[in-house]
Amino acid sequence: MTARETQPQRTVLSWQRTGLGLLGVAAVLGAHAVLDERVLPLVLAAAVAVTGLGVLGVLARRRARALARTPAAAPAAAALVTAAVAGTALAAAATLLSR
């Protein structure tokens, strides 16, 4: 196999890892929110979890189908996921540092 043949598979796997990472952060935020008995961090954890499920369940599958048809860049989807990950990092930092 060449790098060109495996690139679509690696791309799909990276989208899946991103979704799983968001779900992991949501779990950490949710655990801290429950332990601290605070509502706002719990709402943020739920929003991050929904975002992670969206990346994992919707965007990763769409990207896999698109790559199966024609391997091309998807700058809009990549920008959306980048913004979601950056927002998640800010929410996590604000939540964990405001204890």
PDB file of N, CA and C in Angstrom:
ATOM      1  N   MET A   1       0.831  -1.183   0.000  1.00  0.00           N
ATOM      2  CA  MET A   1       0.000   0.000   0.000  1.00  0.00           C
ATOM      3  C   MET A   1       0.873   1.242   0.000  1.00  0.00           C
ATOM      4  N   THR A   2       0.428   2.220  -0.716  1.00  0.00           N
ATOM      5  CA  THR A   2       1.162   3.482  -0.769  1.00  0.00           C
ATOM      6  C   THR A   2       0.489   4.502   0.152  1.00  0.00           C
ATOM      7  N   ALA A   3       1.179   5.592   0.361  1.00  0.00           N
ATOM      8  CA  ALA A   3       0.632   6.653   1.208  1.00  0.00           C
ATOM      9  C   ALA A   3      -0.648   7.216   0.608  1.00  0.00           C
ATOM     10  N   ARG A   4      -0.709   7.266  -0.706  1.00  0.00           N
ATOM     11  CA  ARG A   4      -1.908   7.793  -1.363  1.00  0.00           C
ATOM     12  C   ARG A   4      -3.116   6.896  -1.111  1.00  0.00           C
ATOM     13  N   GLU A   5      -2.892   5.588  -1.027  1.00  0.00           N
ATOM     14  CA  GLU A   5      -3.998   4.654  -0.794  1.00  0.00           C
ATOM     15  C   GLU A   5      -4.498   4.712   0.643  1.00  0.00           C
ATOM     16  N   THR A   6      -3.611   4.976   1.578  1.00  0.00           N
ATOM     17  CA  THR A   6      -3.999   4.975   2.989  1.00  0.00           C
ATOM     18  C   THR A   6      -4.403   6.345   3.517  1.00  0.00           C
ATOM     19  N   GLN A   7      -4.164   7.404   2.752  1.00  0.00           N
ATOM     20  CA  GLN A   7      -4.499   8.751   3.235  1.00  0.00           C
ATOM     21  C   GLN A   7      -5.984   8.897   3.582  1.00  0.00           C
ATOM     22  N   PRO A   8      -6.932   8.461   2.759  1.00  0.00           N
ATOM     23  CA  PRO A   8      -8.339   8.588   3.156  1.00  0.00           C
ATOM     24  C   PRO A   8      -8.656   7.846   4.454  1.00  0.00           C
ATOM     25  N   GLN A   9      -8.048   6.691   4.662  1.00  0.00           N
ATOM     26  CA  GLN A   9      -8.293   5.937   5.893  1.00  0.00           C
ATOM     27  C   GLN A   9      -7.743   6.695   7.100  1.00  0.00           C
ATOM     28  N   ARG A  10      -6.578   7.277   6.963  1.00  0.00           N
ATOM     29  CA  ARG A  10      -5.993   8.039   8.065  1.00  0.00           C
ATOM     30  C   ARG A  10      -6.824   9.283   8.377  1.00  0.00           C
ATOM     31  N   THR A  11      -7.364   9.897   7.339  1.00  0.00           N
ATOM     32  CA  THR A  11      -8.205  11.079   7.533  1.00  0.00           C
ATOM     33  C   THR A  11      -9.460  10.721   8.312  1.00  0.00           C
ATOM     34  N   VAL A  12     -10.108   9.633   7.942  1.00  0.00           N
ATOM     35  CA  VAL A  12     -11.321   9.199   8.641  1.00  0.00           C
ATOM     36  C   VAL A  12     -10.994   8.857  10.097  1.00  0.00           C
ATOM     37  N   LEU A  13      -9.877   8.200  10.321  1.00  0.00           N
ATOM     38  CA  LEU A  13      -9.477   7.862  11.685  1.00  0.00           C
ATOM     39  C   LEU A  13      -9.204   9.118  12.513  1.00  0.00           C
ATOM     40  N   SER A  14      -8.638  10.142  11.899  1.00  0.00           N
ATOM     41  CA  SER A  14      -8.363  11.364  12.646  1.00  0.00           C
ATOM     42  C   SER A  14      -9.666  12.070  13.041  1.00  0.00           C
ATOM     43  N   TRP A  15     -10.660  12.030  12.169  1.00  0.00           N
ATOM     44  CA  TRP A  15     -11.966  12.596  12.509  1.00  0.00           C
ATOM     45  C   TRP A  15     -12.577  11.823  13.671  1.00  0.00           C
ATOM     46  N   GLN A  16     -12.446  10.519  13.655  1.00  0.00           N
ATOM     47  CA  GLN A  16     -12.983   9.702  14.740  1.00  0.00           C
ATOM     48  C   GLN A  16     -12.255   9.996  16.052  1.00  0.00           C
ATOM     49  N   ARG A  17     -10.949  10.136  16.003  1.00  0.00           N
ATOM     50  CA  ARG A  17     -10.181  10.459  17.214  1.00  0.00           C
ATOM     51  C   ARG A  17     -10.590  11.814  17.775  1.00  0.00           C
ATOM     52  N   THR A  18     -10.855  12.760  16.913  1.00  0.00           N
ATOM     53  CA  THR A  18     -11.284  14.084  17.367  1.00  0.00           C
ATOM     54  C   THR A  18     -12.614  13.981  18.105  1.00  0.00           C
ATOM     55  N   GLY A  19     -13.557  13.236  17.540  1.00  0.00           N
ATOM     56  CA  GLY A  19     -14.852  13.053  18.206  1.00  0.00           C
ATOM     57  C   GLY A  19     -14.709  12.356  19.546  1.00  0.00           C
ATOM     58  N   LEU A  20     -13.885  11.326  19.605  1.00  0.00           N
ATOM     59  CA  LEU A  20     -13.657  10.617  20.861  1.00  0.00           C
ATOM     60  C   LEU A  20     -12.961  11.510  21.886  1.00  0.00           C
ATOM     61  N   GLY A  21     -12.041  12.343  21.428  1.00  0.00           N
ATOM     62  CA  GLY A  21     -11.374  13.279  22.327  1.00  0.00           C
ATOM     63  C   GLY A  21     -12.355  14.269  22.934  1.00  0.00           C
ATOM     64  N   LEU A  22     -13.273  14.775  22.119  1.00  0.00           N
ATOM     65  CA  LEU A  22     -14.295  15.688  22.636  1.00  0.00           C
ATOM     66  C   LEU A  22     -15.168  14.986  23.674  1.00  0.00           C
ATOM     67  N   LEU A  23     -15.522  13.739  23.423  1.00  0.00           N
ATOM     68  CA  LEU A  23     -16.317  12.990  24.393  1.00  0.00           C
ATOM     69  C   LEU A  23     -15.547  12.776  25.697  1.00  0.00           C
ATOM     70  N   GLY A  24     -14.246  12.548  25.591  1.00  0.00           N
ATOM     71  CA  GLY A  24     -13.422  12.398  26.790  1.00  0.00           C
ATOM     72  C   GLY A  24     -13.383  13.674  27.614  1.00  0.00           C
ATOM     73  N   VAL A  25     -13.233  14.805  26.948  1.00  0.00           N
ATOM     74  CA  VAL A  25     -13.232  16.090  27.658  1.00  0.00           C
ATOM     75  C   VAL A  25     -14.593  16.326  28.303  1.00  0.00           C
ATOM     76  N   ALA A  26     -15.661  15.970  27.609  1.00  0.00           N
ATOM     77  CA  ALA A  26     -17.007  16.115  28.171  1.00  0.00           C
ATOM     78  C   ALA A  26     -17.159  15.284  29.434  1.00  0.00           C
ATOM     79  N   ALA A  27     -16.592  14.092  29.440  1.00  0.00           N
ATOM     80  CA  ALA A  27     -16.669  13.238  30.627  1.00  0.00           C
ATOM     81  C   ALA A  27     -15.928  13.861  31.803  1.00  0.00           C
ATOM     82  N   VAL A  28     -14.760  14.421  31.551  1.00  0.00           N
ATOM     83  CA  VAL A  28     -13.994  15.064  32.622  1.00  0.00           C
ATOM     84  C   VAL A  28     -14.738  16.285  33.149  1.00  0.00           C
ATOM     85  N   LEU A  29     -15.253  17.112  32.234  1.00  0.00           N
ATOM     86  CA  LEU A  29     -16.016  18.289  32.657  1.00  0.00           C
ATOM     87  C   LEU A  29     -17.250  17.879  33.456  1.00  0.00           C
ATOM     88  N   GLY A  30     -17.940  16.854  32.992  1.00  0.00           N
ATOM     89  CA  GLY A  30     -19.139  16.389  33.691  1.00  0.00           C
ATOM     90  C   GLY A  30     -18.822  15.863  35.080  1.00  0.00           C
ATOM     91  N   ALA A  31     -17.736  15.135  35.204  1.00  0.00           N
ATOM     92  CA  ALA A  31     -17.347  14.604  36.515  1.00  0.00           C
ATOM     93  C   ALA A  31     -17.025  15.737  37.490  1.00  0.00           C
ATOM     94  N   HIS A  32     -16.284  16.733  37.028  1.00  0.00           N
ATOM     95  CA  HIS A  32     -15.963  17.868  37.895  1.00  0.00           C
ATOM     96  C   HIS A  32     -17.216  18.654  38.263  1.00  0.00           C
ATOM     97  N   ALA A  33     -18.141  18.797  37.320  1.00  0.00           N
ATOM     98  CA  ALA A  33     -19.375  19.532  37.593  1.00  0.00           C
ATOM     99  C   ALA A  33     -20.213  18.813  38.640  1.00  0.00           C
ATOM    100  N   VAL A  34     -20.278  17.498  38.555  1.00  0.00           N
ATOM    101  CA  VAL A  34     -21.056  16.732  39.526  1.00  0.00           C
ATOM    102  C   VAL A  34     -20.400  16.792  40.900  1.00  0.00           C
ATOM    103  N   LEU A  35     -19.082  16.647  40.943  1.00  0.00           N
ATOM    104  CA  LEU A  35     -18.382  16.690  42.228  1.00  0.00           C
ATOM    105  C   LEU A  35     -18.496  18.061  42.893  1.00  0.00           C
ATOM    106  N   ASP A  36     -18.465  19.120  42.093  1.00  0.00           N
ATOM    107  CA  ASP A  36     -18.560  20.482  42.626  1.00  0.00           C
ATOM    108  C   ASP A  36     -20.003  20.944  42.787  1.00  0.00           C
ATOM    109  N   GLU A  37     -20.941  20.134  42.333  1.00  0.00           N
ATOM    110  CA  GLU A  37     -22.381  20.451  42.393  1.00  0.00           C
ATOM    111  C   GLU A  37     -22.687  21.797  41.738  1.00  0.00           C
ATOM    112  N   ARG A  38     -22.173  21.969  40.511  1.00  0.00           N
ATOM    113  CA  ARG A  38     -22.407  23.201  39.759  1.00  0.00           C
ATOM    114  C   ARG A  38     -23.146  22.878  38.475  1.00  0.00           C
ATOM    115  N   VAL A  39     -24.072  23.748  38.109  1.00  0.00           N
ATOM    116  CA  VAL A  39     -24.933  23.487  36.956  1.00  0.00           C
ATOM    117  C   VAL A  39     -24.299  23.934  35.646  1.00  0.00           C
ATOM    118  N   LEU A  40     -23.726  25.126  35.610  1.00  0.00           N
ATOM    119  CA  LEU A  40     -23.181  25.651  34.356  1.00  0.00           C
ATOM    120  C   LEU A  40     -22.111  24.743  33.747  1.00  0.00           C
ATOM    121  N   PRO A  41     -21.145  24.238  34.526  1.00  0.00           N
ATOM    122  CA  PRO A  41     -20.188  23.306  33.932  1.00  0.00           C
ATOM    123  C   PRO A  41     -20.837  22.023  33.424  1.00  0.00           C
ATOM    124  N   LEU A  42     -21.923  21.605  34.070  1.00  0.00           N
ATOM    125  CA  LEU A  42     -22.626  20.420  33.595  1.00  0.00           C
ATOM    126  C   LEU A  42     -23.293  20.687  32.240  1.00  0.00           C
ATOM    127  N   VAL A  43     -23.817  21.886  32.073  1.00  0.00           N
ATOM    128  CA  VAL A  43     -24.401  22.271  30.782  1.00  0.00           C
ATOM    129  C   VAL A  43     -23.309  22.339  29.718  1.00  0.00           C
ATOM    130  N   LEU A  44     -22.153  22.891  30.078  1.00  0.00           N
ATOM    131  CA  LEU A  44     -21.031  22.929  29.135  1.00  0.00           C
ATOM    132  C   LEU A  44     -20.576  21.522  28.764  1.00  0.00           C
ATOM    133  N   ALA A  45     -20.543  20.629  29.742  1.00  0.00           N
ATOM    134  CA  ALA A  45     -20.153  19.243  29.466  1.00  0.00           C
ATOM    135  C   ALA A  45     -21.144  18.589  28.503  1.00  0.00           C
ATOM    136  N   ALA A  46     -22.420  18.866  28.686  1.00  0.00           N
ATOM    137  CA  ALA A  46     -23.426  18.307  27.782  1.00  0.00           C
ATOM    138  C   ALA A  46     -23.259  18.859  26.367  1.00  0.00           C
ATOM    139  N   ALA A  47     -22.959  20.157  26.258  1.00  0.00           N
ATOM    140  CA  ALA A  47     -22.756  20.755  24.937  1.00  0.00           C
ATOM    141  C   ALA A  47     -21.526  20.163  24.249  1.00  0.00           C
ATOM    142  N   VAL A  48     -20.468  19.957  25.014  1.00  0.00           N
ATOM    143  CA  VAL A  48     -19.262  19.348  24.442  1.00  0.00           C
ATOM    144  C   VAL A  48     -19.544  17.909  24.020  1.00  0.00           C
ATOM    145  N   ALA A  49     -20.330  17.186  24.813  1.00  0.00           N
ATOM    146  CA  ALA A  49     -20.673  15.805  24.464  1.00  0.00           C
ATOM    147  C   ALA A  49     -21.483  15.758  23.175  1.00  0.00           C
ATOM    148  N   VAL A  50     -22.426  16.665  23.026  1.00  0.00           N
ATOM    149  CA  VAL A  50     -23.227  16.703  21.790  1.00  0.00           C
ATOM    150  C   VAL A  50     -22.340  17.039  20.602  1.00  0.00           C
ATOM    151  N   THR A  51     -21.394  17.959  20.803  1.00  0.00           N
ATOM    152  CA  THR A  51     -20.456  18.295  19.731  1.00  0.00           C
ATOM    153  C   THR A  51     -19.605  17.084  19.358  1.00  0.00           C
ATOM    154  N   GLY A  52     -19.113  16.374  20.354  1.00  0.00           N
ATOM    155  CA  GLY A  52     -18.314  15.168  20.094  1.00  0.00           C
ATOM    156  C   GLY A  52     -19.106  14.109  19.359  1.00  0.00           C
ATOM    157  N   LEU A  53     -20.357  13.925  19.762  1.00  0.00           N
ATOM    158  CA  LEU A  53     -21.204  12.956  19.055  1.00  0.00           C
ATOM    159  C   LEU A  53     -21.469  13.396  17.623  1.00  0.00           C
ATOM    160  N   GLY A  54     -21.615  14.706  17.431  1.00  0.00           N
ATOM    161  CA  GLY A  54     -21.813  15.213  16.072  1.00  0.00           C
ATOM    162  C   GLY A  54     -20.602  14.974  15.190  1.00  0.00           C
ATOM    163  N   VAL A  55     -19.424  15.219  15.734  1.00  0.00           N
ATOM    164  CA  VAL A  55     -18.202  14.973  14.963  1.00  0.00           C
ATOM    165  C   VAL A  55     -18.049  13.483  14.683  1.00  0.00           C
ATOM    166  N   LEU A  56     -18.248  12.674  15.715  1.00  0.00           N
ATOM    167  CA  LEU A  56     -18.048  11.236  15.571  1.00  0.00           C
ATOM    168  C   LEU A  56     -19.131  10.585  14.720  1.00  0.00           C
ATOM    169  N   GLY A  57     -20.378  10.954  14.961  1.00  0.00           N
ATOM    170  CA  GLY A  57     -21.475  10.267  14.290  1.00  0.00           C
ATOM    171  C   GLY A  57     -21.867  10.836  12.946  1.00  0.00           C
ATOM    172  N   VAL A  58     -21.669  12.137  12.764  1.00  0.00           N
ATOM    173  CA  VAL A  58     -22.135  12.765  11.523  1.00  0.00           C
ATOM    174  C   VAL A  58     -20.973  13.168  10.620  1.00  0.00           C
ATOM    175  N   LEU A  59     -20.114  14.058  11.125  1.00  0.00           N
ATOM    176  CA  LEU A  59     -19.052  14.586  10.261  1.00  0.00           C
ATOM    177  C   LEU A  59     -18.053  13.523   9.824  1.00  0.00           C
ATOM    178  N   ALA A  60     -17.685  12.616  10.726  1.00  0.00           N
ATOM    179  CA  ALA A  60     -16.723  11.569  10.348  1.00  0.00           C
ATOM    180  C   ALA A  60     -17.305  10.660   9.275  1.00  0.00           C
ATOM    181  N   ARG A  61     -18.571  10.329   9.395  1.00  0.00           N
ATOM    182  CA  ARG A  61     -19.199   9.466   8.379  1.00  0.00           C
ATOM    183  C   ARG A  61     -19.352  10.177   7.050  1.00  0.00           C
ATOM    184  N   ARG A  62     -19.741  11.450   7.098  1.00  0.00           N
ATOM    185  CA  ARG A  62     -19.854  12.209   5.841  1.00  0.00           C
ATOM    186  C   ARG A  62     -18.499  12.301   5.148  1.00  0.00           C
ATOM    187  N   ARG A  63     -17.481  12.554   5.954  1.00  0.00           N
ATOM    188  CA  ARG A  63     -16.131  12.671   5.380  1.00  0.00           C
ATOM    189  C   ARG A  63     -15.683  11.350   4.774  1.00  0.00           C
ATOM    190  N   ALA A  64     -16.003  10.237   5.425  1.00  0.00           N
ATOM    191  CA  ALA A  64     -15.635   8.928   4.887  1.00  0.00           C
ATOM    192  C   ALA A  64     -16.331   8.680   3.551  1.00  0.00           C
ATOM    193  N   ARG A  65     -17.609   9.027   3.470  1.00  0.00           N
ATOM    194  CA  ARG A  65     -18.321   8.842   2.191  1.00  0.00           C
ATOM    195  C   ARG A  65     -17.768   9.753   1.109  1.00  0.00           C
ATOM    196  N   ALA A  66     -17.446  10.990   1.473  1.00  0.00           N
ATOM    197  CA  ALA A  66     -16.902  11.923   0.488  1.00  0.00           C
ATOM    198  C   ALA A  66     -15.543  11.456  -0.014  1.00  0.00           C
ATOM    199  N   LEU A  67     -14.720  10.944   0.883  1.00  0.00           N
ATOM    200  CA  LEU A  67     -13.403  10.456   0.468  1.00  0.00           C
ATOM    201  C   LEU A  67     -13.506   9.201  -0.380  1.00  0.00           C
ATOM    202  N   ALA A  68     -14.553   8.411  -0.173  1.00  0.00           N
ATOM    203  CA  ALA A  68     -14.735   7.212  -0.991  1.00  0.00           C
ATOM    204  C   ALA A  68     -15.040   7.598  -2.439  1.00  0.00           C
ATOM    205  N   ARG A  69     -15.750   8.716  -2.617  1.00  0.00           N
ATOM    206  CA  ARG A  69     -16.069   9.169  -3.976  1.00  0.00           C
ATOM    207  C   ARG A  69     -14.872   9.833  -4.626  1.00  0.00           C
ATOM    208  N   THR A  70     -14.333  10.836  -3.953  1.00  0.00           N
ATOM    209  CA  THR A  70     -13.194  11.560  -4.507  1.00  0.00           C
ATOM    210  C   THR A  70     -12.374  12.152  -3.368  1.00  0.00           C
ATOM    211  N   PRO A  71     -11.100  11.828  -3.287  1.00  0.00           N
ATOM    212  CA  PRO A  71     -10.277  12.376  -2.210  1.00  0.00           C
ATOM    213  C   PRO A  71      -9.979  13.852  -2.445  1.00  0.00           C
ATOM    214  N   ALA A  72     -10.661  14.702  -1.694  1.00  0.00           N
ATOM    215  CA  ALA A  72     -10.463  16.145  -1.828  1.00  0.00           C
ATOM    216  C   ALA A  72     -10.519  16.773  -0.441  1.00  0.00           C
ATOM    217  N   ALA A  73      -9.975  17.959  -0.348  1.00  0.00           N
ATOM    218  CA  ALA A  73      -9.962  18.672   0.929  1.00  0.00           C
ATOM    219  C   ALA A  73     -11.366  19.151   1.275  1.00  0.00           C
ATOM    220  N   ALA A  74     -11.623  19.315   2.556  1.00  0.00           N
ATOM    221  CA  ALA A  74     -12.896  19.840   3.045  1.00  0.00           C
ATOM    222  C   ALA A  74     -12.608  20.970   4.035  1.00  0.00           C
ATOM    223  N   PRO A  75     -12.232  22.153   3.516  1.00  0.00           N
ATOM    224  CA  PRO A  75     -11.809  23.221   4.425  1.00  0.00           C
ATOM    225  C   PRO A  75     -12.922  23.723   5.344  1.00  0.00           C
ATOM    226  N   ALA A  76     -14.164  23.730   4.885  1.00  0.00           N
ATOM    227  CA  ALA A  76     -15.255  24.226   5.731  1.00  0.00           C
ATOM    228  C   ALA A  76     -15.477  23.306   6.926  1.00  0.00           C
ATOM    229  N   ALA A  77     -15.503  22.014   6.677  1.00  0.00           N
ATOM    230  CA  ALA A  77     -15.704  21.052   7.768  1.00  0.00           C
ATOM    231  C   ALA A  77     -14.516  21.081   8.729  1.00  0.00           C
ATOM    232  N   ALA A  78     -13.323  21.186   8.197  1.00  0.00           N
ATOM    233  CA  ALA A  78     -12.132  21.236   9.054  1.00  0.00           C
ATOM    234  C   ALA A  78     -12.141  22.493   9.918  1.00  0.00           C
ATOM    235  N   ALA A  79     -12.556  23.611   9.359  1.00  0.00           N
ATOM    236  CA  ALA A  79     -12.639  24.854  10.128  1.00  0.00           C
ATOM    237  C   ALA A  79     -13.688  24.747  11.224  1.00  0.00           C
ATOM    238  N   LEU A  80     -14.806  24.110  10.923  1.00  0.00           N
ATOM    239  CA  LEU A  80     -15.868  23.917  11.913  1.00  0.00           C
ATOM    240  C   LEU A  80     -15.384  23.075  13.086  1.00  0.00           C
ATOM    241  N   VAL A  81     -14.714  21.984  12.791  1.00  0.00           N
ATOM    242  CA  VAL A  81     -14.219  21.108  13.851  1.00  0.00           C
ATOM    243  C   VAL A  81     -13.107  21.796  14.638  1.00  0.00           C
ATOM    244  N   THR A  82     -12.255  22.548  13.967  1.00  0.00           N
ATOM    245  CA  THR A  82     -11.203  23.294  14.656  1.00  0.00           C
ATOM    246  C   THR A  82     -11.804  24.293  15.639  1.00  0.00           C
ATOM    247  N   ALA A  83     -12.846  24.998  15.212  1.00  0.00           N
ATOM    248  CA  ALA A  83     -13.525  25.943  16.106  1.00  0.00           C
ATOM    249  C   ALA A  83     -14.164  25.218  17.287  1.00  0.00           C
ATOM    250  N   ALA A  84     -14.743  24.044  17.043  1.00  0.00           N
ATOM    251  CA  ALA A  84     -15.366  23.274  18.122  1.00  0.00           C
ATOM    252  C   ALA A  84     -14.324  22.816  19.133  1.00  0.00           C
ATOM    253  N   VAL A  85     -13.192  22.362  18.658  1.00  0.00           N
ATOM    254  CA  VAL A  85     -12.127  21.901  19.563  1.00  0.00           C
ATOM    255  C   VAL A  85     -11.553  23.083  20.353  1.00  0.00           C
ATOM    256  N   ALA A  86     -11.355  24.218  19.708  1.00  0.00           N
ATOM    257  CA  ALA A  86     -10.846  25.397  20.410  1.00  0.00           C
ATOM    258  C   ALA A  86     -11.851  25.878  21.458  1.00  0.00           C
ATOM    259  N   GLY A  87     -13.124  25.884  21.108  1.00  0.00           N
ATOM    260  CA  GLY A  87     -14.161  26.260  22.074  1.00  0.00           C
ATOM    261  C   GLY A  87     -14.215  25.309  23.254  1.00  0.00           C
ATOM    262  N   THR A  88     -14.037  24.031  22.967  1.00  0.00           N
ATOM    263  CA  THR A  88     -14.024  23.026  24.034  1.00  0.00           C
ATOM    264  C   THR A  88     -12.846  23.257  24.967  1.00  0.00           C
ATOM    265  N   ALA A  89     -11.690  23.554  24.411  1.00  0.00           N
ATOM    266  CA  ALA A  89     -10.510  23.808  25.244  1.00  0.00           C
ATOM    267  C   ALA A  89     -10.727  25.024  26.137  1.00  0.00           C
ATOM    268  N   LEU A  90     -11.312  26.072  25.583  1.00  0.00           N
ATOM    269  CA  LEU A  90     -11.585  27.257  26.396  1.00  0.00           C
ATOM    270  C   LEU A  90     -12.600  26.970  27.486  1.00  0.00           C
ATOM    271  N   ALA A  91     -13.656  26.233  27.149  1.00  0.00           N
ATOM    272  CA  ALA A  91     -14.672  25.885  28.147  1.00  0.00           C
ATOM    273  C   ALA A  91     -14.078  25.026  29.250  1.00  0.00           C
ATOM    274  N   ALA A  92     -13.243  24.076  28.869  1.00  0.00           N
ATOM    275  CA  ALA A  92     -12.614  23.204  29.868  1.00  0.00           C
ATOM    276  C   ALA A  92     -11.688  23.999  30.775  1.00  0.00           C
ATOM    277  N   ALA A  93     -10.902  24.868  30.189  1.00  0.00           N
ATOM    278  CA  ALA A  93      -9.975  25.667  31.000  1.00  0.00           C
ATOM    279  C   ALA A  93     -10.740  26.590  31.950  1.00  0.00           C
ATOM    280  N   ALA A  94     -11.771  27.249  31.443  1.00  0.00           N
ATOM    281  CA  ALA A  94     -12.549  28.147  32.296  1.00  0.00           C
ATOM    282  C   ALA A  94     -13.238  27.389  33.414  1.00  0.00           C
ATOM    283  N   THR A  95     -13.768  26.223  33.107  1.00  0.00           N
ATOM    284  CA  THR A  95     -14.482  25.434  34.104  1.00  0.00           C
ATOM    285  C   THR A  95     -13.540  24.916  35.174  1.00  0.00           C
ATOM    286  N   LEU A  96     -12.429  24.358  34.755  1.00  0.00           N
ATOM    287  CA  LEU A  96     -11.513  23.751  35.711  1.00  0.00           C
ATOM    288  C   LEU A  96     -10.734  24.784  36.527  1.00  0.00           C
ATOM    289  N   LEU A  97     -10.488  25.955  35.961  1.00  0.00           N
ATOM    290  CA  LEU A  97      -9.742  26.976  36.675  1.00  0.00           C
ATOM    291  C   LEU A  97     -10.623  27.811  37.576  1.00  0.00           C
ATOM    292  N   SER A  98     -11.933  27.760  37.418  1.00  0.00           N
ATOM    293  CA  SER A  98     -12.828  28.578  38.228  1.00  0.00           C
ATOM    294  C   SER A  98     -13.275  27.869  39.493  1.00  0.00           C
ATOM    295  N   ARG A  99     -12.643  26.777  39.841  1.00  0.00           N
ATOM    296  CA  ARG A  99     -13.036  26.000  41.025  1.00  0.00           C
ATOM    297  C   ARG A  99     -12.763  26.743  42.244  1.00  0.00           C
TER     298      ARG A  99
END
